[in-house]
């Protein structure tokens, strides 16, 4: 799934300063309907989908998607679809960070795995 930044103010008024206006980004996951994107600082961050136009709505075949109790969507590669995975990443847990970047390189940069579903 690919999106283009069209506005820089998220729900709640916070300003997006780590993405470039007009640039396209790969969505690497969806959490409670928000898009997880590797930003310009190389951090996998959640962003308000209202800030983007969808350029390519195709979901990778290696994502596992679930719907929450209130109809919100959660989609991630199976490797990251674990409670607390990204919290551990942002807490600096070395093993989780290594796992993320290894998986990211393979899942999003190896053409064999980039088939849409």
PDB file of N, CA and C in Angstrom:
ATOM      1  N   UNK A   1       0.858  -1.170   0.000  1.00  0.00           N
ATOM      2  CA  UNK A   1       0.000   0.000   0.000  1.00  0.00           C
ATOM      3  C   UNK A   1       0.904   1.233   0.000  1.00  0.00           C
ATOM      4  N   UNK A   2       0.604   2.151  -0.898  1.00  0.00           N
ATOM      5  CA  UNK A   2       1.388   3.385  -0.994  1.00  0.00           C
ATOM      6  C   UNK A   2       0.465   4.585  -0.820  1.00  0.00           C
ATOM      7  N   UNK A   3       0.997   5.602  -0.134  1.00  0.00           N
ATOM      8  CA  UNK A   3       0.238   6.828   0.122  1.00  0.00           C
ATOM      9  C   UNK A   3       1.109   8.043  -0.184  1.00  0.00           C
ATOM     10  N   UNK A   4       0.446   9.190  -0.401  1.00  0.00           N
ATOM     11  CA  UNK A   4       1.130  10.463  -0.632  1.00  0.00           C
ATOM     12  C   UNK A   4       0.675  11.450   0.432  1.00  0.00           C
ATOM     13  N   UNK A   5       1.625  12.175   1.025  1.00  0.00           N
ATOM     14  CA  UNK A   5       1.312  13.174   2.046  1.00  0.00           C
ATOM     15  C   UNK A   5       0.616  14.364   1.374  1.00  0.00           C
ATOM     16  N   UNK A   6      -0.596  14.703   1.893  1.00  0.00           N
ATOM     17  CA  UNK A   6      -1.348  15.832   1.342  1.00  0.00           C
ATOM     18  C   UNK A   6      -1.654  16.903   2.384  1.00  0.00           C
ATOM     19  N   UNK A   7      -1.433  16.590   3.659  1.00  0.00           N
ATOM     20  CA  UNK A   7      -1.580  17.601   4.707  1.00  0.00           C
ATOM     21  C   UNK A   7      -0.679  17.221   5.867  1.00  0.00           C
ATOM     22  N   UNK A   8      -0.298  18.203   6.653  1.00  0.00           N
ATOM     23  CA  UNK A   8       0.703  17.953   7.688  1.00  0.00           C
ATOM     24  C   UNK A   8       0.179  18.141   9.102  1.00  0.00           C
ATOM     25  N   UNK A   9      -1.140  18.202   9.272  1.00  0.00           N
ATOM     26  CA  UNK A   9      -1.698  18.296  10.620  1.00  0.00           C
ATOM     27  C   UNK A   9      -2.563  17.064  10.881  1.00  0.00           C
ATOM     28  N   UNK A  10      -2.187  16.325  11.923  1.00  0.00           N
ATOM     29  CA  UNK A  10      -2.903  15.109  12.274  1.00  0.00           C
ATOM     30  C   UNK A  10      -4.113  15.407  13.158  1.00  0.00           C
ATOM     31  N   UNK A  11      -4.947  14.391  13.319  1.00  0.00           N
ATOM     32  CA  UNK A  11      -6.066  14.476  14.248  1.00  0.00           C
ATOM     33  C   UNK A  11      -5.523  14.895  15.608  1.00  0.00           C
ATOM     34  N   UNK A  12      -6.148  15.877  16.229  1.00  0.00           N
ATOM     35  CA  UNK A  12      -5.678  16.368  17.512  1.00  0.00           C
ATOM     36  C   UNK A  12      -4.747  17.564  17.384  1.00  0.00           C
ATOM     37  N   UNK A  13      -4.407  17.935  16.147  1.00  0.00           N
ATOM     38  CA  UNK A  13      -3.623  19.139  15.921  1.00  0.00           C
ATOM     39  C   UNK A  13      -2.125  18.971  15.875  1.00  0.00           C
ATOM     40  N   UNK A  14      -1.598  17.758  16.108  1.00  0.00           N
ATOM     41  CA  UNK A  14      -0.141  17.612  16.059  1.00  0.00           C
ATOM     42  C   UNK A  14       0.341  17.746  14.616  1.00  0.00           C
ATOM     43  N   UNK A  15       1.493  18.339  14.461  1.00  0.00           N
ATOM     44  CA  UNK A  15       2.065  18.601  13.144  1.00  0.00           C
ATOM     45  C   UNK A  15       3.012  17.464  12.760  1.00  0.00           C
ATOM     46  N   UNK A  16       2.886  17.022  11.530  1.00  0.00           N
ATOM     47  CA  UNK A  16       3.811  16.024  10.993  1.00  0.00           C
ATOM     48  C   UNK A  16       5.036  16.765  10.485  1.00  0.00           C
ATOM     49  N   UNK A  17       6.157  16.545  11.104  1.00  0.00           N
ATOM     50  CA  UNK A  17       7.393  17.192  10.666  1.00  0.00           C
ATOM     51  C   UNK A  17       8.402  16.184  10.146  1.00  0.00           C
ATOM     52  N   UNK A  18       8.084  14.886  10.261  1.00  0.00           N
ATOM     53  CA  UNK A  18       9.046  13.865   9.858  1.00  0.00           C
ATOM     54  C   UNK A  18       8.700  13.196   8.526  1.00  0.00           C
ATOM     55  N   UNK A  19       7.743  13.773   7.799  1.00  0.00           N
ATOM     56  CA  UNK A  19       7.408  13.322   6.452  1.00  0.00           C
ATOM     57  C   UNK A  19       7.475  14.528   5.522  1.00  0.00           C
ATOM     58  N   UNK A  20       7.683  14.270   4.247  1.00  0.00           N
ATOM     59  CA  UNK A  20       7.807  15.329   3.257  1.00  0.00           C
ATOM     60  C   UNK A  20       6.496  15.493   2.496  1.00  0.00           C
ATOM     61  N   UNK A  21       5.951  16.702   2.502  1.00  0.00           N
ATOM     62  CA  UNK A  21       4.718  17.009   1.788  1.00  0.00           C
ATOM     63  C   UNK A  21       4.857  16.617   0.315  1.00  0.00           C
ATOM     64  N   UNK A  22       3.862  15.879  -0.184  1.00  0.00           N
ATOM     65  CA  UNK A  22       3.839  15.472  -1.580  1.00  0.00           C
ATOM     66  C   UNK A  22       4.584  14.185  -1.880  1.00  0.00           C
ATOM     67  N   UNK A  23       5.389  13.712  -0.954  1.00  0.00           N
ATOM     68  CA  UNK A  23       6.173  12.485  -1.170  1.00  0.00           C
ATOM     69  C   UNK A  23       5.299  11.252  -0.952  1.00  0.00           C
ATOM     70  N   UNK A  24       5.615  10.188  -1.691  1.00  0.00           N
ATOM     71  CA  UNK A  24       4.945   8.900  -1.508  1.00  0.00           C
ATOM     72  C   UNK A  24       5.722   8.054  -0.509  1.00  0.00           C
ATOM     73  N   UNK A  25       4.955   7.284   0.289  1.00  0.00           N
ATOM     74  CA  UNK A  25       5.534   6.383   1.286  1.00  0.00           C
ATOM     75  C   UNK A  25       4.835   5.037   1.224  1.00  0.00           C
ATOM     76  N   UNK A  26       5.579   4.003   1.578  1.00  0.00           N
ATOM     77  CA  UNK A  26       5.031   2.658   1.721  1.00  0.00           C
ATOM     78  C   UNK A  26       4.416   2.546   3.105  1.00  0.00           C
ATOM     79  N   UNK A  27       3.169   2.087   3.180  1.00  0.00           N
ATOM     80  CA  UNK A  27       2.545   1.799   4.473  1.00  0.00           C
ATOM     81  C   UNK A  27       3.006   0.401   4.863  1.00  0.00           C
ATOM     82  N   UNK A  28       3.613   0.287   6.054  1.00  0.00           N
ATOM     83  CA  UNK A  28       4.147  -1.013   6.477  1.00  0.00           C
ATOM     84  C   UNK A  28       3.226  -1.703   7.474  1.00  0.00           C
ATOM     85  N   UNK A  29       2.122  -1.054   7.817  1.00  0.00           N
ATOM     86  CA  UNK A  29       1.140  -1.644   8.711  1.00  0.00           C
ATOM     87  C   UNK A  29       0.005  -0.675   8.968  1.00  0.00           C
ATOM     88  N   UNK A  30      -1.088  -1.207   9.469  1.00  0.00           N
ATOM     89  CA  UNK A  30      -2.240  -0.400   9.852  1.00  0.00           C
ATOM     90  C   UNK A  30      -2.595  -0.787  11.276  1.00  0.00           C
ATOM     91  N   UNK A  31      -2.726   0.215  12.139  1.00  0.00           N
ATOM     92  CA  UNK A  31      -3.027  -0.036  13.546  1.00  0.00           C
ATOM     93  C   UNK A  31      -4.155   0.897  13.977  1.00  0.00           C
ATOM     94  N   UNK A  32      -5.299   0.292  14.310  1.00  0.00           N
ATOM     95  CA  UNK A  32      -6.493   1.059  14.670  1.00  0.00           C
ATOM     96  C   UNK A  32      -6.789   2.099  13.584  1.00  0.00           C
ATOM     97  N   UNK A  33      -6.652   1.684  12.337  1.00  0.00           N
ATOM     98  CA  UNK A  33      -6.899   2.470  11.127  1.00  0.00           C
ATOM     99  C   UNK A  33      -5.828   3.511  10.824  1.00  0.00           C
ATOM    100  N   UNK A  34      -4.850   3.723  11.700  1.00  0.00           N
ATOM    101  CA  UNK A  34      -3.747   4.653  11.413  1.00  0.00           C
ATOM    102  C   UNK A  34      -2.673   3.903  10.635  1.00  0.00           C
ATOM    103  N   UNK A  35      -1.938   4.628   9.790  1.00  0.00           N
ATOM    104  CA  UNK A  35      -0.902   4.035   8.944  1.00  0.00           C
ATOM    105  C   UNK A  35       0.455   4.081   9.645  1.00  0.00           C
ATOM    106  N   UNK A  36       1.127   2.929   9.659  1.00  0.00           N
ATOM    107  CA  UNK A  36       2.511   2.916  10.150  1.00  0.00           C
ATOM    108  C   UNK A  36       3.419   3.049   8.930  1.00  0.00           C
ATOM    109  N   UNK A  37       4.291   4.049   8.985  1.00  0.00           N
ATOM    110  CA  UNK A  37       5.180   4.395   7.877  1.00  0.00           C
ATOM    111  C   UNK A  37       6.574   4.615   8.442  1.00  0.00           C
ATOM    112  N   UNK A  38       7.577   4.181   7.693  1.00  0.00           N
ATOM    113  CA  UNK A  38       8.948   4.528   8.058  1.00  0.00           C
ATOM    114  C   UNK A  38       9.157   5.961   7.566  1.00  0.00           C
ATOM    115  N   UNK A  39       9.315   6.875   8.524  1.00  0.00           N
ATOM    116  CA  UNK A  39       9.387   8.308   8.195  1.00  0.00           C
ATOM    117  C   UNK A  39      10.776   8.705   7.707  1.00  0.00           C
ATOM    118  N   UNK A  40      10.958   9.997   7.475  1.00  0.00           N
ATOM    119  CA  UNK A  40      12.222  10.504   6.940  1.00  0.00           C
ATOM    120  C   UNK A  40      13.386  10.345   7.917  1.00  0.00           C
ATOM    121  N   UNK A  41      13.106  10.067   9.191  1.00  0.00           N
ATOM    122  CA  UNK A  41      14.158   9.834  10.186  1.00  0.00           C
ATOM    123  C   UNK A  41      14.440   8.347  10.358  1.00  0.00           C
ATOM    124  N   UNK A  42      13.784   7.510   9.540  1.00  0.00           N
ATOM    125  CA  UNK A  42      13.910   6.051   9.602  1.00  0.00           C
ATOM    126  C   UNK A  42      13.318   5.487  10.890  1.00  0.00           C
ATOM    127  N   UNK A  43      12.166   6.024  11.286  1.00  0.00           N
ATOM    128  CA  UNK A  43      11.405   5.495  12.421  1.00  0.00           C
ATOM    129  C   UNK A  43      10.054   4.991  11.932  1.00  0.00           C
ATOM    130  N   UNK A  44       9.624   3.807  12.377  1.00  0.00           N
ATOM    131  CA  UNK A  44       8.303   3.298  12.011  1.00  0.00           C
ATOM    132  C   UNK A  44       7.231   3.914  12.917  1.00  0.00           C
ATOM    133  N   UNK A  45       6.570   4.964  12.433  1.00  0.00           N
ATOM    134  CA  UNK A  45       5.656   5.773  13.230  1.00  0.00           C
ATOM    135  C   UNK A  45       4.235   5.643  12.701  1.00  0.00           C
ATOM    136  N   UNK A  46       3.245   5.815  13.596  1.00  0.00           N
ATOM    137  CA  UNK A  46       1.838   5.846  13.198  1.00  0.00           C
ATOM    138  C   UNK A  46       1.438   7.257  12.796  1.00  0.00           C
ATOM    139  N   UNK A  47       0.672   7.339  11.692  1.00  0.00           N
ATOM    140  CA  UNK A  47       0.186   8.618  11.192  1.00  0.00           C
ATOM    141  C   UNK A  47      -1.297   8.532  10.876  1.00  0.00           C
ATOM    142  N   UNK A  48      -1.981   9.652  11.040  1.00  0.00           N
ATOM    143  CA  UNK A  48      -3.404   9.790  10.747  1.00  0.00           C
ATOM    144  C   UNK A  48      -3.628   9.608   9.242  1.00  0.00           C
ATOM    145  N   UNK A  49      -4.492   8.672   8.851  1.00  0.00           N
ATOM    146  CA  UNK A  49      -4.726   8.451   7.418  1.00  0.00           C
ATOM    147  C   UNK A  49      -5.335   9.658   6.703  1.00  0.00           C
ATOM    148  N   UNK A  50      -5.933  10.587   7.444  1.00  0.00           N
ATOM    149  CA  UNK A  50      -6.514  11.781   6.825  1.00  0.00           C
ATOM    150  C   UNK A  50      -5.442  12.680   6.209  1.00  0.00           C
ATOM    151  N   UNK A  51      -4.173  12.433   6.520  1.00  0.00           N
ATOM    152  CA  UNK A  51      -3.076  13.241   5.996  1.00  0.00           C
ATOM    153  C   UNK A  51      -2.562  12.741   4.649  1.00  0.00           C
ATOM    154  N   UNK A  52      -3.192  11.703   4.098  1.00  0.00           N
ATOM    155  CA  UNK A  52      -2.666  11.054   2.900  1.00  0.00           C
ATOM    156  C   UNK A  52      -3.748  10.812   1.857  1.00  0.00           C
ATOM    157  N   UNK A  53      -3.314  10.769   0.605  1.00  0.00           N
ATOM    158  CA  UNK A  53      -4.100  10.196  -0.482  1.00  0.00           C
ATOM    159  C   UNK A  53      -3.509   8.825  -0.734  1.00  0.00           C
ATOM    160  N   UNK A  54      -4.365   7.843  -0.928  1.00  0.00           N
ATOM    161  CA  UNK A  54      -3.891   6.495  -1.240  1.00  0.00           C
ATOM    162  C   UNK A  54      -3.536   6.445  -2.720  1.00  0.00           C
ATOM    163  N   UNK A  55      -2.299   6.100  -3.012  1.00  0.00           N
ATOM    164  CA  UNK A  55      -1.806   5.995  -4.375  1.00  0.00           C
ATOM    165  C   UNK A  55      -2.022   4.584  -4.902  1.00  0.00           C
ATOM    166  N   UNK A  56      -1.770   3.601  -4.051  1.00  0.00           N
ATOM    167  CA  UNK A  56      -1.959   2.186  -4.400  1.00  0.00           C
ATOM    168  C   UNK A  56      -2.565   1.490  -3.190  1.00  0.00           C
ATOM    169  N   UNK A  57      -3.839   1.064  -3.275  1.00  0.00           N
ATOM    170  CA  UNK A  57      -4.507   0.458  -2.124  1.00  0.00           C
ATOM    171  C   UNK A  57      -4.185  -1.027  -1.904  1.00  0.00           C
ATOM    172  N   UNK A  58      -3.369  -1.620  -2.768  1.00  0.00           N
ATOM    173  CA  UNK A  58      -3.063  -3.046  -2.660  1.00  0.00           C
ATOM    174  C   UNK A  58      -2.374  -3.350  -1.340  1.00  0.00           C
ATOM    175  N   UNK A  59      -2.888  -4.349  -0.640  1.00  0.00           N
ATOM    176  CA  UNK A  59      -2.274  -4.794   0.609  1.00  0.00           C
ATOM    177  C   UNK A  59      -1.328  -5.946   0.310  1.00  0.00           C
ATOM    178  N   UNK A  60      -0.157  -5.950   0.913  1.00  0.00           N
ATOM    179  CA  UNK A  60       0.777  -7.055   0.690  1.00  0.00           C
ATOM    180  C   UNK A  60       0.170  -8.390   1.113  1.00  0.00           C
ATOM    181  N   UNK A  61       0.470  -9.429   0.367  1.00  0.00           N
ATOM    182  CA  UNK A  61      -0.065 -10.758   0.672  1.00  0.00           C
ATOM    183  C   UNK A  61       0.459 -11.306   1.990  1.00  0.00           C
ATOM    184  N   UNK A  62       1.575 -10.778   2.486  1.00  0.00           N
ATOM    185  CA  UNK A  62       2.158 -11.280   3.734  1.00  0.00           C
ATOM    186  C   UNK A  62       1.600 -10.581   4.969  1.00  0.00           C
ATOM    187  N   UNK A  63       0.642  -9.666   4.797  1.00  0.00           N
ATOM    188  CA  UNK A  63      -0.001  -9.037   5.946  1.00  0.00           C
ATOM    189  C   UNK A  63      -1.075  -9.942   6.512  1.00  0.00           C
ATOM    190  N   UNK A  64      -1.253  -9.876   7.796  1.00  0.00           N
ATOM    191  CA  UNK A  64      -2.393 -10.504   8.469  1.00  0.00           C
ATOM    192  C   UNK A  64      -3.280  -9.360   8.944  1.00  0.00           C
ATOM    193  N   UNK A  65      -4.554  -9.388   8.552  1.00  0.00           N
ATOM    194  CA  UNK A  65      -5.478  -8.308   8.910  1.00  0.00           C
ATOM    195  C   UNK A  65      -6.564  -8.822   9.847  1.00  0.00           C
ATOM    196  N   UNK A  66      -6.870  -8.011  10.842  1.00  0.00           N
ATOM    197  CA  UNK A  66      -7.929  -8.294  11.806  1.00  0.00           C
ATOM    198  C   UNK A  66      -8.763  -7.033  11.976  1.00  0.00           C
ATOM    199  N   UNK A  67      -9.965  -7.217  12.495  1.00  0.00           N
ATOM    200  CA  UNK A  67     -10.850  -6.087  12.781  1.00  0.00           C
ATOM    201  C   UNK A  67     -11.102  -6.075  14.282  1.00  0.00           C
ATOM    202  N   UNK A  68     -10.943  -4.895  14.894  1.00  0.00           N
ATOM    203  CA  UNK A  68     -11.140  -4.745  16.328  1.00  0.00           C
ATOM    204  C   UNK A  68     -12.613  -4.677  16.703  1.00  0.00           C
ATOM    205  N   UNK A  69     -12.865  -4.568  17.985  1.00  0.00           N
ATOM    206  CA  UNK A  69     -14.229  -4.554  18.518  1.00  0.00           C
ATOM    207  C   UNK A  69     -15.076  -3.401  17.998  1.00  0.00           C
ATOM    208  N   UNK A  70     -14.445  -2.306  17.628  1.00  0.00           N
ATOM    209  CA  UNK A  70     -15.175  -1.142  17.132  1.00  0.00           C
ATOM    210  C   UNK A  70     -15.059  -0.981  15.621  1.00  0.00           C
ATOM    211  N   UNK A  71     -14.663  -2.041  14.936  1.00  0.00           N
ATOM    212  CA  UNK A  71     -14.571  -2.030  13.485  1.00  0.00           C
ATOM    213  C   UNK A  71     -13.268  -1.478  12.940  1.00  0.00           C
ATOM    214  N   UNK A  72     -12.312  -1.155  13.807  1.00  0.00           N
ATOM    215  CA  UNK A  72     -11.030  -0.624  13.358  1.00  0.00           C
ATOM    216  C   UNK A  72     -10.166  -1.751  12.794  1.00  0.00           C
ATOM    217  N   UNK A  73      -9.337  -1.396  11.847  1.00  0.00           N
ATOM    218  CA  UNK A  73      -8.529  -2.384  11.137  1.00  0.00           C
ATOM    219  C   UNK A  73      -7.097  -2.416  11.676  1.00  0.00           C
ATOM    220  N   UNK A  74      -6.574  -3.634  11.786  1.00  0.00           N
ATOM    221  CA  UNK A  74      -5.190  -3.895  12.186  1.00  0.00           C
ATOM    222  C   UNK A  74      -4.583  -4.818  11.142  1.00  0.00           C
ATOM    223  N   UNK A  75      -3.534  -4.385  10.481  1.00  0.00           N
ATOM    224  CA  UNK A  75      -2.873  -5.195   9.457  1.00  0.00           C
ATOM    225  C   UNK A  75      -1.367  -5.032   9.607  1.00  0.00           C
ATOM    226  N   UNK A  76      -0.694  -6.146   9.731  1.00  0.00           N
ATOM    227  CA  UNK A  76       0.762  -6.145   9.842  1.00  0.00           C
ATOM    228  C   UNK A  76       1.311  -7.427   9.251  1.00  0.00           C
ATOM    229  N   UNK A  77       2.587  -7.422   8.876  1.00  0.00           N
ATOM    230  CA  UNK A  77       3.238  -8.690   8.589  1.00  0.00           C
ATOM    231  C   UNK A  77       3.132  -9.580   9.838  1.00  0.00           C
ATOM    232  N   UNK A  78       2.966 -10.848   9.633  1.00  0.00           N
ATOM    233  CA  UNK A  78       2.808 -11.792  10.750  1.00  0.00           C
ATOM    234  C   UNK A  78       3.925 -11.628  11.768  1.00  0.00           C
ATOM    235  N   UNK A  79       5.135 -11.358  11.290  1.00  0.00           N
ATOM    236  CA  UNK A  79       6.298 -11.234  12.164  1.00  0.00           C
ATOM    237  C   UNK A  79       6.140 -10.114  13.193  1.00  0.00           C
ATOM    238  N   UNK A  80       5.348  -9.087  12.886  1.00  0.00           N
ATOM    239  CA  UNK A  80       5.200  -7.923  13.774  1.00  0.00           C
ATOM    240  C   UNK A  80       3.838  -7.874  14.445  1.00  0.00           C
ATOM    241  N   UNK A  81       2.973  -8.807  14.116  1.00  0.00           N
ATOM    242  CA  UNK A  81       1.590  -8.773  14.601  1.00  0.00           C
ATOM    243  C   UNK A  81       1.492  -9.402  15.993  1.00  0.00           C
ATOM    244  N   UNK A  82       2.229  -8.789  16.922  1.00  0.00           N
ATOM    245  CA  UNK A  82       2.272  -9.285  18.302  1.00  0.00           C
ATOM    246  C   UNK A  82       2.051  -8.111  19.236  1.00  0.00           C
ATOM    247  N   UNK A  83       1.248  -8.286  20.284  1.00  0.00           N
ATOM    248  CA  UNK A  83       1.061  -7.179  21.237  1.00  0.00           C
ATOM    249  C   UNK A  83       2.405  -6.705  21.790  1.00  0.00           C
ATOM    250  N   UNK A  84       2.610  -5.403  21.759  1.00  0.00           N
ATOM    251  CA  UNK A  84       3.806  -4.819  22.340  1.00  0.00           C
ATOM    252  C   UNK A  84       5.020  -4.766  21.436  1.00  0.00           C
ATOM    253  N   UNK A  85       4.919  -5.277  20.206  1.00  0.00           N
ATOM    254  CA  UNK A  85       6.090  -5.310  19.322  1.00  0.00           C
ATOM    255  C   UNK A  85       6.652  -3.910  19.096  1.00  0.00           C
ATOM    256  N   UNK A  86       5.809  -2.971  18.654  1.00  0.00           N
ATOM    257  CA  UNK A  86       6.316  -1.638  18.356  1.00  0.00           C
ATOM    258  C   UNK A  86       6.586  -0.823  19.617  1.00  0.00           C
ATOM    259  N   UNK A  87       5.930  -1.132  20.703  1.00  0.00           N
ATOM    260  CA  UNK A  87       6.267  -0.483  21.971  1.00  0.00           C
ATOM    261  C   UNK A  87       7.695  -0.864  22.368  1.00  0.00           C
ATOM    262  N   UNK A  88       8.026  -2.156  22.212  1.00  0.00           N
ATOM    263  CA  UNK A  88       9.384  -2.614  22.517  1.00  0.00           C
ATOM    264  C   UNK A  88      10.394  -1.974  21.565  1.00  0.00           C
ATOM    265  N   UNK A  89      10.020  -1.852  20.296  1.00  0.00           N
ATOM    266  CA  UNK A  89      10.903  -1.188  19.334  1.00  0.00           C
ATOM    267  C   UNK A  89      11.220   0.227  19.806  1.00  0.00           C
ATOM    268  N   UNK A  90      10.178   0.989  20.142  1.00  0.00           N
ATOM    269  CA  UNK A  90      10.382   2.386  20.547  1.00  0.00           C
ATOM    270  C   UNK A  90      10.994   2.518  21.938  1.00  0.00           C
ATOM    271  N   UNK A  91      10.939   1.455  22.735  1.00  0.00           N
ATOM    272  CA  UNK A  91      11.637   1.439  24.028  1.00  0.00           C
ATOM    273  C   UNK A  91      13.115   1.085  23.867  1.00  0.00           C
ATOM    274  N   UNK A  92      13.521   0.783  22.631  1.00  0.00           N
ATOM    275  CA  UNK A  92      14.935   0.523  22.353  1.00  0.00           C
ATOM    276  C   UNK A  92      15.386  -0.902  22.584  1.00  0.00           C
ATOM    277  N   UNK A  93      14.469  -1.862  22.623  1.00  0.00           N
ATOM    278  CA  UNK A  93      14.845  -3.262  22.821  1.00  0.00           C
ATOM    279  C   UNK A  93      15.617  -3.736  21.582  1.00  0.00           C
ATOM    280  N   UNK A  94      16.895  -4.032  21.778  1.00  0.00           N
ATOM    281  CA  UNK A  94      17.801  -4.324  20.667  1.00  0.00           C
ATOM    282  C   UNK A  94      17.320  -5.485  19.797  1.00  0.00           C
ATOM    283  N   UNK A  95      16.869  -6.572  20.423  1.00  0.00           N
ATOM    284  CA  UNK A  95      16.439  -7.745  19.645  1.00  0.00           C
ATOM    285  C   UNK A  95      15.247  -7.401  18.754  1.00  0.00           C
ATOM    286  N   UNK A  96      14.326  -6.587  19.269  1.00  0.00           N
ATOM    287  CA  UNK A  96      13.137  -6.213  18.503  1.00  0.00           C
ATOM    288  C   UNK A  96      13.529  -5.289  17.351  1.00  0.00           C
ATOM    289  N   UNK A  97      14.411  -4.356  17.625  1.00  0.00           N
ATOM    290  CA  UNK A  97      14.868  -3.447  16.563  1.00  0.00           C
ATOM    291  C   UNK A  97      15.583  -4.225  15.457  1.00  0.00           C
ATOM    292  N   UNK A  98      16.434  -5.159  15.831  1.00  0.00           N
ATOM    293  CA  UNK A  98      17.129  -5.985  14.843  1.00  0.00           C
ATOM    294  C   UNK A  98      16.137  -6.808  14.032  1.00  0.00           C
ATOM    295  N   UNK A  99      15.168  -7.380  14.712  1.00  0.00           N
ATOM    296  CA  UNK A  99      14.130  -8.167  14.027  1.00  0.00           C
ATOM    297  C   UNK A  99      13.365  -7.300  13.041  1.00  0.00           C
ATOM    298  N   UNK A 100      12.937  -6.105  13.496  1.00  0.00           N
ATOM    299  CA  UNK A 100      12.179  -5.215  12.624  1.00  0.00           C
ATOM    300  C   UNK A 100      12.963  -4.890  11.361  1.00  0.00           C
ATOM    301  N   UNK A 101      14.199  -4.415  11.506  1.00  0.00           N
ATOM    302  CA  UNK A 101      14.953  -3.976  10.334  1.00  0.00           C
ATOM    303  C   UNK A 101      15.310  -5.132   9.415  1.00  0.00           C
ATOM    304  N   UNK A 102      15.589  -6.297   9.958  1.00  0.00           N
ATOM    305  CA  UNK A 102      15.829  -7.473   9.116  1.00  0.00           C
ATOM    306  C   UNK A 102      14.585  -7.850   8.332  1.00  0.00           C
ATOM    307  N   UNK A 103      13.445  -7.899   9.029  1.00  0.00           N
ATOM    308  CA  UNK A 103      12.179  -8.211   8.359  1.00  0.00           C
ATOM    309  C   UNK A 103      11.826  -7.140   7.337  1.00  0.00           C
ATOM    310  N   UNK A 104      11.991  -5.880   7.719  1.00  0.00           N
ATOM    311  CA  UNK A 104      11.652  -4.765   6.823  1.00  0.00           C
ATOM    312  C   UNK A 104      12.426  -4.859   5.515  1.00  0.00           C
ATOM    313  N   UNK A 105      13.723  -5.077   5.616  1.00  0.00           N
ATOM    314  CA  UNK A 105      14.541  -5.183   4.398  1.00  0.00           C
ATOM    315  C   UNK A 105      14.050  -6.327   3.515  1.00  0.00           C
ATOM    316  N   UNK A 106      13.748  -7.452   4.119  1.00  0.00           N
ATOM    317  CA  UNK A 106      13.306  -8.598   3.330  1.00  0.00           C
ATOM    318  C   UNK A 106      11.885  -8.415   2.794  1.00  0.00           C
ATOM    319  N   UNK A 107      10.971  -8.018   3.659  1.00  0.00           N
ATOM    320  CA  UNK A 107       9.570  -7.929   3.260  1.00  0.00           C
ATOM    321  C   UNK A 107       9.282  -6.812   2.265  1.00  0.00           C
ATOM    322  N   UNK A 108       9.933  -5.686   2.431  1.00  0.00           N
ATOM    323  CA  UNK A 108       9.604  -4.532   1.597  1.00  0.00           C
ATOM    324  C   UNK A 108      10.626  -4.227   0.519  1.00  0.00           C
ATOM    325  N   UNK A 109      11.731  -4.956   0.497  1.00  0.00           N
ATOM    326  CA  UNK A 109      12.739  -4.680  -0.515  1.00  0.00           C
ATOM    327  C   UNK A 109      13.172  -5.921  -1.276  1.00  0.00           C
ATOM    328  N   UNK A 110      12.601  -7.072  -0.977  1.00  0.00           N
ATOM    329  CA  UNK A 110      12.857  -8.291  -1.732  1.00  0.00           C
ATOM    330  C   UNK A 110      11.667  -8.505  -2.661  1.00  0.00           C
ATOM    331  N   UNK A 111      11.859  -8.377  -3.949  1.00  0.00           N
ATOM    332  CA  UNK A 111      10.746  -8.451  -4.909  1.00  0.00           C
ATOM    333  C   UNK A 111       9.936  -9.729  -4.799  1.00  0.00           C
ATOM    334  N   UNK A 112      10.554 -10.823  -4.372  1.00  0.00           N
ATOM    335  CA  UNK A 112       9.836 -12.085  -4.277  1.00  0.00           C
ATOM    336  C   UNK A 112       8.683 -12.036  -3.287  1.00  0.00           C
ATOM    337  N   UNK A 113       8.779 -11.200  -2.239  1.00  0.00           N
ATOM    338  CA  UNK A 113       7.751 -11.146  -1.209  1.00  0.00           C
ATOM    339  C   UNK A 113       6.723 -10.034  -1.443  1.00  0.00           C
ATOM    340  N   UNK A 114       6.957  -9.141  -2.414  1.00  0.00           N
ATOM    341  CA  UNK A 114       6.120  -7.955  -2.587  1.00  0.00           C
ATOM    342  C   UNK A 114       4.909  -8.197  -3.476  1.00  0.00           C
ATOM    343  N   UNK A 115       4.252  -9.310  -3.339  1.00  0.00           N
ATOM    344  CA  UNK A 115       3.062  -9.555  -4.131  1.00  0.00           C
ATOM    345  C   UNK A 115       1.849  -9.013  -3.406  1.00  0.00           C
ATOM    346  N   UNK A 116       0.950  -8.419  -4.134  1.00  0.00           N
ATOM    347  CA  UNK A 116      -0.236  -7.802  -3.539  1.00  0.00           C
ATOM    348  C   UNK A 116      -1.344  -8.826  -3.387  1.00  0.00           C
ATOM    349  N   UNK A 117      -2.172  -8.575  -2.380  1.00  0.00           N
ATOM    350  CA  UNK A 117      -3.284  -9.478  -2.124  1.00  0.00           C
ATOM    351  C   UNK A 117      -4.569  -8.733  -2.016  1.00  0.00           C
TER     352      UNK A 117
END
